[in-house]
Amino acid sequence: MALPLGIFLGGCVIAIPVVTGVAQGVEHQKKQNEEAANESRMWKFNCLVSCDADDEIADEELNNAILVVRHDKVWVVPRDEENKPVPPVEGTEPPLHPFAGFYIQYPDESRFPPERGLVTTISDDPPMLNWLYCDKNTFELKYNNRTGSMEHHVGVWDWTEDETRLNFDGWEGFIAIDEWNGADEDPSTPWGKEGLRWAVYFDKDDNGLAGRHKNRDRFEITLTRRIQSAEEQLKQNEAAEKKMQVKSRGGLSTQFSAPTKERDKEWEKKYGEEAKKKLEKERQEAREKLERQKRAEEEKEGTIWQGSRNAPKEG
């Protein structure tokens, strides 16, 4: 009787992971379907930058700023009243291109579960998209096509609970680092010649980028989503349609976006006056909930709440 018993037990041992794997697959497919149905993740947005550090340089150069993509890197530059990037060097050509992206699943079958990626336009003429990623060696935010980004950290990109700010790997660990190392100018690099000084990194190891910042000035920054209006996107789409079709890069069409007419009603539903009032109410409730969580944490652990992560500053 030992043989049949052994076969029976062996069958059970094999069956358990198979059943578990099927259940996980079903759950993952369900999440994928929900993600695909969430059209708001496809709405294009810019990234506004803020920095609350008590520092004159940070206040002047990193607060009330905006992200731009240039030289395969992501930079912080000042912005004007219309939320357009202000070039540090007047007459920079081609003009600085602001980050303008949306969320979409990264196309790599070897990643399980699949990761939500973030793409951005990198030029308007020709219209072109690239993937935003965190460099595996330097933890710097960069952009490239699928082939160039695949070996690096491409996700998971997401938004905060109130959908207002960016996070990566579940938290807001973005840091701006002075690429000039305190110098007044940097004529030795393409970005230095254009006055681009503050590059964006992600604190992947949650240690203040210890050993990676080379004692350069660095400040924590917050990246806030600014949804582009339907009018802005319509202009971009019309401009793109007038140009010759451009080959896709990284498995993405350069004109990948939902039809504008179909989006208008959704835009009004989410960003009309009534929607704004509802959103403000939800944000207030979220703030009150966060305050309650802070007080609970302080009472439970006797510590001061300092955000989702508390990274040390030493090098």
C-alpha atoms as a PDB file:
ATOM      1  CA  MET A   1       0.000   0.000   0.000  1.00  0.00           C
ATOM      2  CA  ALA A   2       3.026   2.280   0.321  1.00  0.00           C
ATOM      3  CA  LEU A   3       3.268   2.907  -3.407  1.00  0.00           C
ATOM      4  CA  PRO A   4      -0.306   4.131  -3.958  1.00  0.00           C
ATOM      5  CA  LEU A   5      -0.035   6.263  -0.822  1.00  0.00           C
ATOM      6  CA  GLY A   6       3.179   7.768  -2.088  1.00  0.00           C
ATOM      7  CA  ILE A   7       1.596   8.577  -5.454  1.00  0.00           C
ATOM      8  CA  PHE A   8      -1.389  10.084  -3.721  1.00  0.00           C
ATOM      9  CA  LEU A   9       0.743  12.273  -1.507  1.00  0.00           C
ATOM     10  CA  GLY A  10       2.912  13.234  -4.425  1.00  0.00           C
ATOM     11  CA  GLY A  11      -0.167  14.280  -6.352  1.00  0.00           C
ATOM     12  CA  CYS A  12      -1.251  16.490  -3.475  1.00  0.00           C
ATOM     13  CA  VAL A  13       2.138  18.102  -3.189  1.00  0.00           C
ATOM     14  CA  ILE A  14       2.102  18.890  -6.879  1.00  0.00           C
ATOM     15  CA  ALA A  15      -1.515  20.014  -6.912  1.00  0.00           C
ATOM     16  CA  ILE A  16      -1.169  22.617  -4.171  1.00  0.00           C
ATOM     17  CA  PRO A  17       1.237  24.928  -6.027  1.00  0.00           C
ATOM     18  CA  VAL A  18      -0.664  24.404  -9.280  1.00  0.00           C
ATOM     19  CA  VAL A  19      -3.938  25.475  -7.690  1.00  0.00           C
ATOM     20  CA  THR A  20      -2.208  28.380  -5.961  1.00  0.00           C
ATOM     21  CA  GLY A  21      -0.613  29.457  -9.225  1.00  0.00           C
ATOM     22  CA  VAL A  22      -3.957  29.375 -11.017  1.00  0.00           C
ATOM     23  CA  ALA A  23      -5.547  31.459  -8.257  1.00  0.00           C
ATOM     24  CA  GLN A  24      -2.739  33.982  -8.453  1.00  0.00           C
ATOM     25  CA  GLY A  25      -3.084  34.126 -12.217  1.00  0.00           C
ATOM     26  CA  VAL A  26      -6.824  34.754 -11.980  1.00  0.00           C
ATOM     27  CA  GLU A  27      -6.297  37.480  -9.386  1.00  0.00           C
ATOM     28  CA  HIS A  28      -3.599  39.100 -11.504  1.00  0.00           C
ATOM     29  CA  GLN A  29      -5.818  39.013 -14.603  1.00  0.00           C
ATOM     30  CA  LYS A  30      -8.562  40.675 -12.606  1.00  0.00           C
ATOM     31  CA  LYS A  31      -6.179  43.470 -11.605  1.00  0.00           C
ATOM     32  CA  GLN A  32      -5.061  43.834 -15.217  1.00  0.00           C
ATOM     33  CA  ASN A  33      -8.650  44.211 -16.376  1.00  0.00           C
ATOM     34  CA  GLU A  34      -9.308  46.842 -13.705  1.00  0.00           C
ATOM     35  CA  GLU A  35      -6.152  48.691 -14.739  1.00  0.00           C
ATOM     36  CA  ALA A  36      -7.151  48.657 -18.420  1.00  0.00           C
ATOM     37  CA  ALA A  37     -10.595  49.992 -17.524  1.00  0.00           C
ATOM     38  CA  ASN A  38      -9.115  52.870 -15.542  1.00  0.00           C
ATOM     39  CA  GLU A  39      -8.897  55.371 -18.381  1.00  0.00           C
ATOM     40  CA  SER A  40      -7.824  58.173 -16.070  1.00  0.00           C
ATOM     41  CA  ARG A  41      -4.349  56.602 -15.887  1.00  0.00           C
ATOM     42  CA  MET A  42      -4.050  57.353 -19.592  1.00  0.00           C
ATOM     43  CA  TRP A  43      -4.646  61.062 -19.133  1.00  0.00           C
ATOM     44  CA  LYS A  44      -1.488  62.967 -19.915  1.00  0.00           C
ATOM     45  CA  PHE A  45       0.023  65.122 -17.194  1.00  0.00           C
ATOM     46  CA  ASN A  46       2.997  67.370 -16.465  1.00  0.00           C
ATOM     47  CA  CYS A  47       5.002  67.201 -13.234  1.00  0.00           C
ATOM     48  CA  LEU A  48       5.170  70.276 -11.042  1.00  0.00           C
ATOM     49  CA  VAL A  49       7.976  70.332  -8.496  1.00  0.00           C
ATOM     50  CA  SER A  50       7.945  71.651  -4.940  1.00  0.00           C
ATOM     51  CA  CYS A  51      10.595  71.634  -2.232  1.00  0.00           C
ATOM     52  CA  ASP A  52       9.943  72.670   1.370  1.00  0.00           C
ATOM     53  CA  ALA A  53      13.580  72.606   2.473  1.00  0.00           C
ATOM     54  CA  ASP A  54      14.614  75.575   4.601  1.00  0.00           C
ATOM     55  CA  ASP A  55      17.276  76.666   2.136  1.00  0.00           C
ATOM     56  CA  GLU A  56      17.517  79.755  -0.055  1.00  0.00           C
ATOM     57  CA  ILE A  57      18.885  77.884  -3.093  1.00  0.00           C
ATOM     58  CA  ALA A  58      16.211  75.191  -2.857  1.00  0.00           C
ATOM     59  CA  ASP A  59      13.490  77.824  -2.572  1.00  0.00           C
ATOM     60  CA  GLU A  60      14.761  79.739  -5.605  1.00  0.00           C
ATOM     61  CA  GLU A  61      15.629  76.848  -7.922  1.00  0.00           C
ATOM     62  CA  LEU A  62      13.540  73.832  -6.853  1.00  0.00           C
ATOM     63  CA  ASN A  63      10.311  75.190  -5.438  1.00  0.00           C
ATOM     64  CA  ASN A  64       7.562  76.211  -7.888  1.00  0.00           C
ATOM     65  CA  ALA A  65       9.416  74.386 -10.642  1.00  0.00           C
ATOM     66  CA  ILE A  66       8.661  71.774 -13.311  1.00  0.00           C
ATOM     67  CA  LEU A  67      10.226  68.599 -14.719  1.00  0.00           C
ATOM     68  CA  VAL A  68      11.794  68.618 -18.176  1.00  0.00           C
ATOM     69  CA  VAL A  69      13.408  65.814 -20.174  1.00  0.00           C
ATOM     70  CA  ARG A  70      16.733  66.564 -21.835  1.00  0.00           C
ATOM     71  CA  HIS A  71      19.946  64.692 -22.680  1.00  0.00           C
ATOM     72  CA  ASP A  72      18.382  61.349 -21.611  1.00  0.00           C
ATOM     73  CA  LYS A  73      17.942  62.714 -18.071  1.00  0.00           C
ATOM     74  CA  VAL A  74      15.183  64.336 -16.009  1.00  0.00           C
ATOM     75  CA  TRP A  75      15.753  67.881 -14.729  1.00  0.00           C
ATOM     76  CA  VAL A  76      14.138  70.469 -12.485  1.00  0.00           C
ATOM     77  CA  VAL A  77      13.844  73.994 -13.886  1.00  0.00           C
ATOM     78  CA  PRO A  78      11.742  77.036 -12.895  1.00  0.00           C
ATOM     79  CA  ARG A  79       8.275  77.472 -14.383  1.00  0.00           C
ATOM     80  CA  ASP A  80       6.280  80.533 -15.343  1.00  0.00           C
ATOM     81  CA  GLU A  81       2.701  81.472 -14.463  1.00  0.00           C
ATOM     82  CA  GLU A  82       1.404  79.302 -17.317  1.00  0.00           C
ATOM     83  CA  ASN A  83       3.341  76.293 -16.002  1.00  0.00           C
ATOM     84  CA  LYS A  84       5.804  76.419 -18.870  1.00  0.00           C
ATOM     85  CA  PRO A  85       9.512  75.677 -18.266  1.00  0.00           C
ATOM     86  CA  VAL A  86      11.784  78.707 -18.042  1.00  0.00           C
ATOM     87  CA  PRO A  87      15.160  77.885 -19.629  1.00  0.00           C
ATOM     88  CA  PRO A  88      18.122  78.810 -17.394  1.00  0.00           C
ATOM     89  CA  VAL A  89      19.936  79.955 -20.540  1.00  0.00           C
ATOM     90  CA  GLU A  90      17.868  82.231 -22.760  1.00  0.00           C
ATOM     91  CA  GLY A  91      17.522  81.102 -26.358  1.00  0.00           C
ATOM     92  CA  THR A  92      18.155  77.403 -25.673  1.00  0.00           C
ATOM     93  CA  GLU A  93      17.433  75.382 -28.811  1.00  0.00           C
ATOM     94  CA  PRO A  94      15.541  73.219 -29.237  1.00  0.00           C
ATOM     95  CA  PRO A  95      13.294  74.557 -26.479  1.00  0.00           C
ATOM     96  CA  LEU A  96      13.152  72.628 -23.209  1.00  0.00           C
ATOM     97  CA  HIS A  97      10.544  69.859 -23.352  1.00  0.00           C
ATOM     98  CA  PRO A  98       8.417  69.413 -20.221  1.00  0.00           C
ATOM     99  CA  PHE A  99       7.663  65.938 -18.969  1.00  0.00           C
ATOM    100  CA  ALA A 100       4.235  65.002 -20.362  1.00  0.00           C
ATOM    101  CA  GLY A 101       3.353  61.420 -19.580  1.00  0.00           C
ATOM    102  CA  PHE A 102       0.825  58.814 -18.571  1.00  0.00           C
ATOM    103  CA  TYR A 103       0.747  55.388 -16.931  1.00  0.00           C
ATOM    104  CA  ILE A 104       0.715  52.165 -18.928  1.00  0.00           C
ATOM    105  CA  GLN A 105       1.839  48.576 -18.393  1.00  0.00           C
ATOM    106  CA  TYR A 106       5.475  47.984 -19.288  1.00  0.00           C
ATOM    107  CA  PRO A 107       5.707  45.487 -22.206  1.00  0.00           C
ATOM    108  CA  ASP A 108       7.986  42.758 -20.849  1.00  0.00           C
ATOM    109  CA  GLU A 109       6.642  39.205 -20.557  1.00  0.00           C
ATOM    110  CA  SER A 110       9.554  38.191 -18.307  1.00  0.00           C
ATOM    111  CA  ARG A 111       8.289  40.433 -15.495  1.00  0.00           C
ATOM    112  CA  PHE A 112       5.682  38.787 -13.303  1.00  0.00           C
ATOM    113  CA  PRO A 113       3.556  40.288 -12.202  1.00  0.00           C
ATOM    114  CA  PRO A 114       3.781  42.895 -14.966  1.00  0.00           C
ATOM    115  CA  GLU A 115       4.796  46.359 -13.773  1.00  0.00           C
ATOM    116  CA  ARG A 116       3.010  49.628 -14.395  1.00  0.00           C
ATOM    117  CA  GLY A 117       5.343  51.895 -16.319  1.00  0.00           C
ATOM    118  CA  LEU A 118       5.402  55.594 -17.067  1.00  0.00           C
ATOM    119  CA  VAL A 119       5.960  57.070 -20.507  1.00  0.00           C
ATOM    120  CA  THR A 120       6.620  60.655 -21.495  1.00  0.00           C
ATOM    121  CA  THR A 121       6.780  62.575 -24.713  1.00  0.00           C
ATOM    122  CA  ILE A 122      10.380  63.577 -25.378  1.00  0.00           C
ATOM    123  CA  SER A 123       9.710  65.813 -28.363  1.00  0.00           C
ATOM    124  CA  ASP A 124       6.810  67.336 -30.269  1.00  0.00           C
ATOM    125  CA  ASP A 125       8.509  67.363 -33.651  1.00  0.00           C
ATOM    126  CA  PRO A 126       8.587  64.504 -34.343  1.00  0.00           C
ATOM    127  CA  PRO A 127       6.121  63.344 -31.669  1.00  0.00           C
ATOM    128  CA  MET A 128       7.845  60.574 -29.748  1.00  0.00           C
ATOM    129  CA  LEU A 129       7.407  58.609 -26.501  1.00  0.00           C
ATOM    130  CA  ASN A 130      10.010  57.023 -24.216  1.00  0.00           C
ATOM    131  CA  TRP A 131       9.911  55.098 -20.944  1.00  0.00           C
ATOM    132  CA  LEU A 132      10.871  56.792 -17.699  1.00  0.00           C
ATOM    133  CA  TYR A 133      13.029  54.566 -15.468  1.00  0.00           C
ATOM    134  CA  CYS A 134      15.368  54.531 -12.485  1.00  0.00           C
ATOM    135  CA  ASP A 135      18.938  53.679 -13.488  1.00  0.00           C
ATOM    136  CA  LYS A 136      19.982  50.445 -11.762  1.00  0.00           C
ATOM    137  CA  ASN A 137      23.483  51.761 -11.002  1.00  0.00           C
ATOM    138  CA  THR A 138      23.064  55.447 -10.176  1.00  0.00           C
ATOM    139  CA  PHE A 139      19.337  55.534  -9.202  1.00  0.00           C
ATOM    140  CA  GLU A 140      18.997  58.521 -11.515  1.00  0.00           C
ATOM    141  CA  LEU A 141      15.726  59.056 -13.381  1.00  0.00           C
ATOM    142  CA  LYS A 142      16.298  58.689 -17.110  1.00  0.00           C
ATOM    143  CA  TYR A 143      14.319  57.931 -20.249  1.00  0.00           C
ATOM    144  CA  ASN A 144      14.837  55.627 -23.207  1.00  0.00           C
ATOM    145  CA  ASN A 145      13.027  53.251 -25.521  1.00  0.00           C
ATOM    146  CA  ARG A 146      12.054  49.734 -24.428  1.00  0.00           C
ATOM    147  CA  THR A 147      15.396  48.206 -25.354  1.00  0.00           C
ATOM    148  CA  GLY A 148      17.357  50.853 -23.476  1.00  0.00           C
ATOM    149  CA  SER A 149      15.162  50.782 -20.369  1.00  0.00           C
ATOM    150  CA  MET A 150      14.522  47.055 -19.926  1.00  0.00           C
ATOM    151  CA  GLU A 151      17.544  46.251 -17.730  1.00  0.00           C
ATOM    152  CA  HIS A 152      16.720  49.042 -15.278  1.00  0.00           C
ATOM    153  CA  HIS A 153      13.959  49.727 -12.713  1.00  0.00           C
ATOM    154  CA  VAL A 154      10.915  50.583 -14.834  1.00  0.00           C
ATOM    155  CA  GLY A 155       8.227  50.421 -12.153  1.00  0.00           C
ATOM    156  CA  VAL A 156       6.031  50.260 -10.338  1.00  0.00           C
ATOM    157  CA  TRP A 157       4.981  53.857 -11.030  1.00  0.00           C
ATOM    158  CA  ASP A 158       1.827  55.059  -9.353  1.00  0.00           C
ATOM    159  CA  TRP A 159       0.061  58.017  -7.792  1.00  0.00           C
ATOM    160  CA  THR A 160      -0.678  58.815  -4.161  1.00  0.00           C
ATOM    161  CA  GLU A 161      -4.001  57.931  -2.589  1.00  0.00           C
ATOM    162  CA  ASP A 162      -5.566  61.228  -3.646  1.00  0.00           C
ATOM    163  CA  GLU A 163      -4.141  60.840  -7.191  1.00  0.00           C
ATOM    164  CA  THR A 164      -2.275  64.138  -6.942  1.00  0.00           C
ATOM    165  CA  ARG A 165       1.417  63.167  -6.636  1.00  0.00           C
ATOM    166  CA  LEU A 166       3.817  60.673  -8.176  1.00  0.00           C
ATOM    167  CA  ASN A 167       5.363  57.789  -6.332  1.00  0.00           C
ATOM    168  CA  PHE A 168       7.667  54.937  -7.326  1.00  0.00           C
ATOM    169  CA  ASP A 169       8.013  51.565  -5.614  1.00  0.00           C
ATOM    170  CA  GLY A 170       5.261  52.637  -3.248  1.00  0.00           C
ATOM    171  CA  TRP A 171       6.644  55.919  -1.920  1.00  0.00           C
ATOM    172  CA  GLU A 172       7.793  59.439  -2.780  1.00  0.00           C
ATOM    173  CA  GLY A 173      11.562  59.145  -2.571  1.00  0.00           C
ATOM    174  CA  PHE A 174      12.524  61.729  -5.186  1.00  0.00           C
ATOM    175  CA  ILE A 175      15.678  63.778  -4.687  1.00  0.00           C
ATOM    176  CA  ALA A 176      17.192  66.590  -6.760  1.00  0.00           C
ATOM    177  CA  ILE A 177      21.010  66.569  -6.889  1.00  0.00           C
ATOM    178  CA  ASP A 178      23.319  69.381  -7.976  1.00  0.00           C
ATOM    179  CA  GLU A 179      25.197  68.029 -11.010  1.00  0.00           C
ATOM    180  CA  TRP A 180      27.584  70.991 -10.903  1.00  0.00           C
ATOM    181  CA  ASN A 181      28.854  70.085  -7.434  1.00  0.00           C
ATOM    182  CA  GLY A 182      28.454  73.636  -6.149  1.00  0.00           C
ATOM    183  CA  ALA A 183      30.213  75.360  -9.052  1.00  0.00           C
ATOM    184  CA  ASP A 184      28.791  78.537 -10.562  1.00  0.00           C
ATOM    185  CA  GLU A 185      28.770  77.019 -14.050  1.00  0.00           C
ATOM    186  CA  ASP A 186      29.519  73.821 -15.927  1.00  0.00           C
ATOM    187  CA  PRO A 187      30.750  74.363 -19.497  1.00  0.00           C
ATOM    188  CA  SER A 188      32.095  70.791 -19.694  1.00  0.00           C
ATOM    189  CA  THR A 189      28.771  68.983 -20.287  1.00  0.00           C
ATOM    190  CA  PRO A 190      25.920  69.452 -22.778  1.00  0.00           C
ATOM    191  CA  TRP A 191      23.457  70.051 -19.942  1.00  0.00           C
ATOM    192  CA  GLY A 192      25.809  72.377 -18.092  1.00  0.00           C
ATOM    193  CA  LYS A 193      26.102  74.577 -21.169  1.00  0.00           C
ATOM    194  CA  GLU A 194      22.311  74.932 -21.110  1.00  0.00           C
ATOM    195  CA  GLY A 195      22.210  75.774 -17.429  1.00  0.00           C
ATOM    196  CA  LEU A 196      20.621  72.458 -16.399  1.00  0.00           C
ATOM    197  CA  ARG A 197      21.821  71.855 -12.871  1.00  0.00           C
ATOM    198  CA  TRP A 198      19.350  69.815 -10.803  1.00  0.00           C
ATOM    199  CA  ALA A 199      18.928  66.199 -11.929  1.00  0.00           C
ATOM    200  CA  VAL A 200      16.285  63.944 -10.388  1.00  0.00           C
ATOM    201  CA  TYR A 201      17.156  60.714  -8.565  1.00  0.00           C
ATOM    202  CA  PHE A 202      15.127  58.165  -6.625  1.00  0.00           C
ATOM    203  CA  ASP A 203      16.175  57.016  -3.154  1.00  0.00           C
ATOM    204  CA  LYS A 204      15.856  53.329  -4.056  1.00  0.00           C
ATOM    205  CA  ASP A 205      17.580  52.028  -0.916  1.00  0.00           C
ATOM    206  CA  ASP A 206      15.875  54.519   1.403  1.00  0.00           C
ATOM    207  CA  ASN A 207      19.191  55.788   2.790  1.00  0.00           C
ATOM    208  CA  GLY A 208      19.425  59.305   1.375  1.00  0.00           C
ATOM    209  CA  LEU A 209      21.416  57.994  -1.617  1.00  0.00           C
ATOM    210  CA  ALA A 210      24.354  57.292   0.679  1.00  0.00           C
ATOM    211  CA  GLY A 211      27.497  56.614  -1.335  1.00  0.00           C
ATOM    212  CA  ARG A 212      25.897  57.803  -4.567  1.00  0.00           C
ATOM    213  CA  HIS A 213      25.563  61.576  -4.263  1.00  0.00           C
ATOM    214  CA  LYS A 214      29.333  62.192  -3.878  1.00  0.00           C
ATOM    215  CA  ASN A 215      28.691  64.907  -1.247  1.00  0.00           C
ATOM    216  CA  ARG A 216      26.859  67.054  -3.770  1.00  0.00           C
ATOM    217  CA  ASP A 217      23.989  69.252  -2.585  1.00  0.00           C
ATOM    218  CA  ARG A 218      20.699  67.378  -2.611  1.00  0.00           C
ATOM    219  CA  PHE A 219      17.114  68.106  -1.603  1.00  0.00           C
ATOM    220  CA  GLU A 220      13.979  66.032  -1.282  1.00  0.00           C
ATOM    221  CA  ILE A 221      11.326  67.118  -3.779  1.00  0.00           C
ATOM    222  CA  THR A 222       7.657  66.402  -4.369  1.00  0.00           C
ATOM    223  CA  LEU A 223       6.271  65.730  -7.847  1.00  0.00           C
ATOM    224  CA  THR A 224       2.674  66.834  -8.335  1.00  0.00           C
ATOM    225  CA  ARG A 225       0.589  65.784 -11.325  1.00  0.00           C
ATOM    226  CA  ARG A 226      -0.877  68.571 -13.434  1.00  0.00           C
ATOM    227  CA  ILE A 227      -3.449  67.064 -15.773  1.00  0.00           C
ATOM    228  CA  GLN A 228      -3.243  68.618 -19.204  1.00  0.00           C
ATOM    229  CA  SER A 229      -6.496  70.165 -20.356  1.00  0.00           C
ATOM    230  CA  ALA A 230      -8.467  68.735 -23.243  1.00  0.00           C
ATOM    231  CA  GLU A 231      -7.578  71.857 -25.217  1.00  0.00           C
ATOM    232  CA  GLU A 232      -3.847  71.334 -24.683  1.00  0.00           C
ATOM    233  CA  GLN A 233      -4.031  67.726 -25.802  1.00  0.00           C
ATOM    234  CA  LEU A 234      -6.235  68.587 -28.757  1.00  0.00           C
ATOM    235  CA  LYS A 235      -3.628  71.037 -30.002  1.00  0.00           C
ATOM    236  CA  GLN A 236      -0.917  68.430 -29.617  1.00  0.00           C
ATOM    237  CA  ASN A 237      -2.976  65.800 -31.449  1.00  0.00           C
ATOM    238  CA  GLU A 238      -3.795  68.193 -34.288  1.00  0.00           C
ATOM    239  CA  ALA A 239      -0.127  69.106 -34.627  1.00  0.00           C
ATOM    240  CA  ALA A 240       0.833  65.439 -34.681  1.00  0.00           C
ATOM    241  CA  GLU A 241      -1.765  64.610 -37.322  1.00  0.00           C
ATOM    242  CA  LYS A 242      -0.301  67.228 -39.643  1.00  0.00           C
ATOM    243  CA  LYS A 243       3.082  65.547 -39.549  1.00  0.00           C
ATOM    244  CA  MET A 244       4.133  62.412 -41.324  1.00  0.00           C
ATOM    245  CA  GLN A 245       3.624  59.206 -39.404  1.00  0.00           C
ATOM    246  CA  VAL A 246       6.613  58.415 -37.275  1.00  0.00           C
ATOM    247  CA  LYS A 247       7.706  54.897 -36.448  1.00  0.00           C
ATOM    248  CA  SER A 248       6.931  53.795 -32.916  1.00  0.00           C
ATOM    249  CA  ARG A 249       9.728  53.404 -30.388  1.00  0.00           C
ATOM    250  CA  GLY A 250       9.823  50.874 -27.602  1.00  0.00           C
ATOM    251  CA  GLY A 251       6.622  49.128 -28.708  1.00  0.00           C
ATOM    252  CA  LEU A 252       4.520  52.277 -28.259  1.00  0.00           C
ATOM    253  CA  SER A 253       2.821  54.299 -30.952  1.00  0.00           C
ATOM    254  CA  THR A 254       3.963  57.913 -30.914  1.00  0.00           C
ATOM    255  CA  GLN A 255       0.319  58.957 -31.040  1.00  0.00           C
ATOM    256  CA  PHE A 256      -0.892  56.532 -28.369  1.00  0.00           C
ATOM    257  CA  SER A 257      -3.866  58.274 -26.756  1.00  0.00           C
ATOM    258  CA  ALA A 258      -7.582  57.824 -26.530  1.00  0.00           C
ATOM    259  CA  PRO A 259      -9.582  59.819 -29.105  1.00  0.00           C
ATOM    260  CA  THR A 260     -10.053  63.341 -27.819  1.00  0.00           C
ATOM    261  CA  LYS A 261     -13.781  63.486 -28.543  1.00  0.00           C
ATOM    262  CA  GLU A 262     -14.347  60.345 -26.489  1.00  0.00           C
ATOM    263  CA  ARG A 263     -12.362  61.810 -23.616  1.00  0.00           C
ATOM    264  CA  ASP A 264     -14.148  65.171 -23.442  1.00  0.00           C
ATOM    265  CA  LYS A 265     -17.111  63.899 -21.446  1.00  0.00           C
ATOM    266  CA  GLU A 266     -14.848  62.018 -19.069  1.00  0.00           C
ATOM    267  CA  TRP A 267     -12.702  65.121 -18.651  1.00  0.00           C
ATOM    268  CA  GLU A 268     -15.719  67.264 -17.831  1.00  0.00           C
ATOM    269  CA  LYS A 269     -16.998  64.605 -15.465  1.00  0.00           C
ATOM    270  CA  LYS A 270     -13.745  64.551 -13.542  1.00  0.00           C
ATOM    271  CA  TYR A 271     -12.511  68.130 -13.942  1.00  0.00           C
ATOM    272  CA  GLY A 272     -15.680  70.208 -14.298  1.00  0.00           C
ATOM    273  CA  GLU A 273     -16.811  72.549 -11.525  1.00  0.00           C
ATOM    274  CA  GLU A 274     -18.858  69.904  -9.738  1.00  0.00           C
ATOM    275  CA  ALA A 275     -16.009  67.449  -9.982  1.00  0.00           C
ATOM    276  CA  LYS A 276     -13.569  70.016  -8.550  1.00  0.00           C
ATOM    277  CA  LYS A 277     -15.825  70.569  -5.544  1.00  0.00           C
ATOM    278  CA  LYS A 278     -16.101  66.834  -5.016  1.00  0.00           C
ATOM    279  CA  LEU A 279     -12.333  66.397  -5.410  1.00  0.00           C
ATOM    280  CA  GLU A 280     -11.609  69.142  -2.884  1.00  0.00           C
ATOM    281  CA  LYS A 281     -13.958  67.476  -0.417  1.00  0.00           C
ATOM    282  CA  GLU A 282     -12.222  64.141  -0.937  1.00  0.00           C
ATOM    283  CA  ARG A 283      -8.807  65.763  -0.488  1.00  0.00           C
ATOM    284  CA  GLN A 284      -9.932  67.376   2.759  1.00  0.00           C
ATOM    285  CA  GLU A 285     -11.179  64.022   3.997  1.00  0.00           C
ATOM    286  CA  ALA A 286      -7.862  62.459   2.983  1.00  0.00           C
ATOM    287  CA  ARG A 287      -5.932  65.151   4.884  1.00  0.00           C
ATOM    288  CA  GLU A 288      -8.067  64.592   7.965  1.00  0.00           C
ATOM    289  CA  LYS A 289      -7.529  60.848   7.673  1.00  0.00           C
ATOM    290  CA  LEU A 290      -3.764  61.389   7.391  1.00  0.00           C
ATOM    291  CA  GLU A 291      -3.792  63.589  10.498  1.00  0.00           C
ATOM    292  CA  ARG A 292      -5.611  60.863  12.407  1.00  0.00           C
ATOM    293  CA  GLN A 293      -3.014  58.349  11.238  1.00  0.00           C
ATOM    294  CA  LYS A 294      -0.219  60.673  12.349  1.00  0.00           C
ATOM    295  CA  ARG A 295      -1.678  61.033  15.818  1.00  0.00           C
ATOM    296  CA  ALA A 296      -2.205  57.279  16.062  1.00  0.00           C
ATOM    297  CA  GLU A 297       1.418  56.650  15.055  1.00  0.00           C
ATOM    298  CA  GLU A 298       2.699  59.170  17.577  1.00  0.00           C
ATOM    299  CA  GLU A 299       0.624  57.697  20.370  1.00  0.00           C
ATOM    300  CA  LYS A 300       1.592  54.142  19.437  1.00  0.00           C
ATOM    301  CA  GLU A 301       5.315  54.576  18.935  1.00  0.00           C
ATOM    302  CA  GLY A 302       6.038  57.910  20.613  1.00  0.00           C
ATOM    303  CA  THR A 303       7.729  59.181  17.450  1.00  0.00           C
ATOM    304  CA  ILE A 304       7.207  62.240  15.279  1.00  0.00           C
ATOM    305  CA  TRP A 305       5.546  61.556  11.944  1.00  0.00           C
ATOM    306  CA  GLN A 306       7.947  62.405   9.101  1.00  0.00           C
ATOM    307  CA  GLY A 307       6.228  61.020   6.026  1.00  0.00           C
ATOM    308  CA  SER A 308       6.231  57.651   4.313  1.00  0.00           C
ATOM    309  CA  ARG A 309       9.996  57.334   4.655  1.00  0.00           C
ATOM    310  CA  ASN A 310      12.570  59.004   6.863  1.00  0.00           C
ATOM    311  CA  ALA A 311      15.847  58.908   4.984  1.00  0.00           C
ATOM    312  CA  PRO A 312      19.036  59.946   6.784  1.00  0.00           C
ATOM    313  CA  LYS A 313      21.020  62.781   5.248  1.00  0.00           C
ATOM    314  CA  GLU A 314      24.529  61.670   5.920  1.00  0.00           C
ATOM    315  CA  GLY A 315      26.615  60.651   2.918  1.00  0.00           C
END
